[in-house]
Amino acid sequence: MISNAGSNVAVETTDVILVRSNPLDVVAIVQLSRATYSKMIQNLVWATGYNVVAIPLAAGAFYTWGVLLSPALGAVLMAASTVIVAINARLLKLKAKPYSQYDIN
């Protein structure tokens, strides 16, 4: 039990844990984290842009000019926005590189 205590402390305090003994896995993790951050920013920009446009439309801000968003259409657009954000997040799998690319064996 004492021999595991040191490794448990190391696991709890580290940022990256290598399961395999390939140090190039750190490169893959950094690339994955950058791709994840990029997707987060894309989703944030999309959601902000959608809300900047859709909320004033739904509130009737442009009713003077004859533009009004019906509640049903607002619900459809909100659902579409959620689906777009989810699909964009799933596209991260296409951008992330598989571990096998970094195998040197």
C-alpha atoms as a PDB file:
ATOM      1  CA  MET A   1       0.000   0.000   0.000  1.00  0.00           C
ATOM      2  CA  ILE A   2       2.838   2.392   0.738  1.00  0.00           C
ATOM      3  CA  SER A   3       4.423   1.784  -2.675  1.00  0.00           C
ATOM      4  CA  ASN A   4       1.137   2.840  -4.341  1.00  0.00           C
ATOM      5  CA  ALA A   5       0.942   6.040  -2.314  1.00  0.00           C
ATOM      6  CA  GLY A   6       3.708   7.720  -4.306  1.00  0.00           C
ATOM      7  CA  SER A   7       2.183   6.836  -7.646  1.00  0.00           C
ATOM      8  CA  ASN A   8      -1.269   7.969  -6.469  1.00  0.00           C
ATOM      9  CA  VAL A   9       0.159  11.373  -5.525  1.00  0.00           C
ATOM     10  CA  ALA A  10       1.875  11.604  -8.907  1.00  0.00           C
ATOM     11  CA  VAL A  11      -1.357  10.758 -10.732  1.00  0.00           C
ATOM     12  CA  GLU A  12      -3.343  13.332  -8.747  1.00  0.00           C
ATOM     13  CA  THR A  13      -0.853  16.171  -9.316  1.00  0.00           C
ATOM     14  CA  THR A  14       0.032  15.689 -12.975  1.00  0.00           C
ATOM     15  CA  ASP A  15      -1.561  17.315 -16.018  1.00  0.00           C
ATOM     16  CA  VAL A  16      -0.924  14.425 -18.416  1.00  0.00           C
ATOM     17  CA  ILE A  17      -0.782  10.726 -17.619  1.00  0.00           C
ATOM     18  CA  LEU A  18       0.841   8.463 -20.183  1.00  0.00           C
ATOM     19  CA  VAL A  19      -0.902   5.106 -20.267  1.00  0.00           C
ATOM     20  CA  ARG A  20       1.547   3.739 -22.793  1.00  0.00           C
ATOM     21  CA  SER A  21       5.278   4.378 -22.700  1.00  0.00           C
ATOM     22  CA  ASN A  22       5.264   6.460 -25.879  1.00  0.00           C
ATOM     23  CA  PRO A  23       6.239  10.078 -25.150  1.00  0.00           C
ATOM     24  CA  LEU A  24       4.786  11.177 -28.493  1.00  0.00           C
ATOM     25  CA  ASP A  25       1.362  10.682 -26.907  1.00  0.00           C
ATOM     26  CA  VAL A  26       1.960  14.057 -25.264  1.00  0.00           C
ATOM     27  CA  VAL A  27       2.029  15.620 -28.753  1.00  0.00           C
ATOM     28  CA  ALA A  28      -1.301  13.965 -29.563  1.00  0.00           C
ATOM     29  CA  ILE A  29      -2.812  15.221 -26.311  1.00  0.00           C
ATOM     30  CA  VAL A  30      -1.652  18.785 -26.958  1.00  0.00           C
ATOM     31  CA  GLN A  31      -3.065  18.682 -30.499  1.00  0.00           C
ATOM     32  CA  LEU A  32      -6.357  17.303 -29.206  1.00  0.00           C
ATOM     33  CA  SER A  33      -6.570  20.005 -26.555  1.00  0.00           C
ATOM     34  CA  ARG A  34      -5.917  22.723 -29.161  1.00  0.00           C
ATOM     35  CA  ALA A  35      -8.568  21.269 -31.466  1.00  0.00           C
ATOM     36  CA  THR A  36     -11.018  21.077 -28.552  1.00  0.00           C
ATOM     37  CA  TYR A  37     -10.363  24.694 -27.610  1.00  0.00           C
ATOM     38  CA  SER A  38     -10.853  25.736 -31.237  1.00  0.00           C
ATOM     39  CA  LYS A  39     -14.233  23.936 -31.342  1.00  0.00           C
ATOM     40  CA  MET A  40     -15.248  25.614 -28.085  1.00  0.00           C
ATOM     41  CA  ILE A  41     -14.503  29.037 -29.592  1.00  0.00           C
ATOM     42  CA  GLN A  42     -16.367  28.153 -32.808  1.00  0.00           C
ATOM     43  CA  ASN A  43     -19.426  27.033 -30.834  1.00  0.00           C
ATOM     44  CA  LEU A  44     -19.286  30.145 -28.653  1.00  0.00           C
ATOM     45  CA  VAL A  45     -19.108  32.425 -31.698  1.00  0.00           C
ATOM     46  CA  TRP A  46     -21.978  30.555 -33.378  1.00  0.00           C
ATOM     47  CA  ALA A  47     -24.200  30.661 -30.285  1.00  0.00           C
ATOM     48  CA  THR A  48     -23.445  34.346 -29.654  1.00  0.00           C
ATOM     49  CA  GLY A  49     -24.123  35.277 -33.277  1.00  0.00           C
ATOM     50  CA  TYR A  50     -27.357  33.316 -33.268  1.00  0.00           C
ATOM     51  CA  ASN A  51     -28.537  34.982 -30.053  1.00  0.00           C
ATOM     52  CA  VAL A  52     -27.586  38.466 -31.245  1.00  0.00           C
ATOM     53  CA  VAL A  53     -29.800  37.970 -34.304  1.00  0.00           C
ATOM     54  CA  ALA A  54     -32.610  35.738 -33.044  1.00  0.00           C
ATOM     55  CA  ILE A  55     -33.431  37.310 -29.664  1.00  0.00           C
ATOM     56  CA  PRO A  56     -34.224  40.778 -31.067  1.00  0.00           C
ATOM     57  CA  LEU A  57     -36.260  39.127 -33.843  1.00  0.00           C
ATOM     58  CA  ALA A  58     -38.227  37.065 -31.343  1.00  0.00           C
ATOM     59  CA  ALA A  59     -38.726  40.071 -29.078  1.00  0.00           C
ATOM     60  CA  GLY A  60     -40.220  42.070 -31.937  1.00  0.00           C
ATOM     61  CA  ALA A  61     -37.463  44.686 -32.163  1.00  0.00           C
ATOM     62  CA  PHE A  62     -37.945  44.904 -35.936  1.00  0.00           C
ATOM     63  CA  TYR A  63     -41.753  44.811 -35.897  1.00  0.00           C
ATOM     64  CA  THR A  64     -41.824  48.423 -37.092  1.00  0.00           C
ATOM     65  CA  TRP A  65     -40.362  47.234 -40.396  1.00  0.00           C
ATOM     66  CA  GLY A  66     -42.696  44.247 -40.589  1.00  0.00           C
ATOM     67  CA  VAL A  67     -40.185  41.660 -39.428  1.00  0.00           C
ATOM     68  CA  LEU A  68     -41.478  39.409 -36.665  1.00  0.00           C
ATOM     69  CA  LEU A  69     -40.382  35.924 -35.726  1.00  0.00           C
ATOM     70  CA  SER A  70     -43.225  33.588 -34.826  1.00  0.00           C
ATOM     71  CA  PRO A  71     -42.771  31.506 -31.662  1.00  0.00           C
ATOM     72  CA  ALA A  72     -42.909  28.268 -33.663  1.00  0.00           C
ATOM     73  CA  LEU A  73     -40.182  29.435 -36.039  1.00  0.00           C
ATOM     74  CA  GLY A  74     -38.148  30.656 -33.050  1.00  0.00           C
ATOM     75  CA  ALA A  75     -38.354  27.184 -31.511  1.00  0.00           C
ATOM     76  CA  VAL A  76     -37.278  25.563 -34.780  1.00  0.00           C
ATOM     77  CA  LEU A  77     -34.316  27.943 -35.094  1.00  0.00           C
ATOM     78  CA  MET A  78     -33.312  27.327 -31.496  1.00  0.00           C
ATOM     79  CA  ALA A  79     -33.402  23.563 -32.040  1.00  0.00           C
ATOM     80  CA  ALA A  80     -31.414  23.988 -35.270  1.00  0.00           C
ATOM     81  CA  SER A  81     -28.817  26.047 -33.414  1.00  0.00           C
ATOM     82  CA  THR A  82     -28.422  23.300 -30.830  1.00  0.00           C
ATOM     83  CA  VAL A  83     -28.060  20.673 -33.556  1.00  0.00           C
ATOM     84  CA  ILE A  84     -25.460  22.783 -35.391  1.00  0.00           C
ATOM     85  CA  VAL A  85     -23.392  23.202 -32.218  1.00  0.00           C
ATOM     86  CA  ALA A  86     -23.615  19.465 -31.503  1.00  0.00           C
ATOM     87  CA  ILE A  87     -22.607  18.535 -35.061  1.00  0.00           C
ATOM     88  CA  ASN A  88     -19.700  20.986 -34.906  1.00  0.00           C
ATOM     89  CA  ALA A  89     -18.543  19.363 -31.676  1.00  0.00           C
ATOM     90  CA  ARG A  90     -18.773  15.899 -33.260  1.00  0.00           C
ATOM     91  CA  LEU A  91     -16.596  17.096 -36.152  1.00  0.00           C
ATOM     92  CA  LEU A  92     -13.749  17.207 -33.635  1.00  0.00           C
ATOM     93  CA  LYS A  93     -13.286  13.486 -34.289  1.00  0.00           C
ATOM     94  CA  LEU A  94     -12.351  14.274 -37.892  1.00  0.00           C
ATOM     95  CA  LYS A  95      -9.801  16.860 -36.817  1.00  0.00           C
ATOM     96  CA  ALA A  96      -8.201  14.809 -34.029  1.00  0.00           C
ATOM     97  CA  LYS A  97      -5.370  12.601 -35.212  1.00  0.00           C
ATOM     98  CA  PRO A  98      -5.370   8.935 -34.229  1.00  0.00           C
ATOM     99  CA  TYR A  99      -2.722   7.616 -31.850  1.00  0.00           C
ATOM    100  CA  SER A 100      -1.427   5.184 -34.467  1.00  0.00           C
ATOM    101  CA  GLN A 101       0.059   8.086 -36.415  1.00  0.00           C
ATOM    102  CA  TYR A 102       2.535   8.662 -33.617  1.00  0.00           C
ATOM    103  CA  ASP A 103       3.627   5.052 -33.152  1.00  0.00           C
ATOM    104  CA  ILE A 104       7.301   4.575 -33.878  1.00  0.00           C
ATOM    105  CA  ASN A 105       7.330   0.793 -33.465  1.00  0.00           C
END
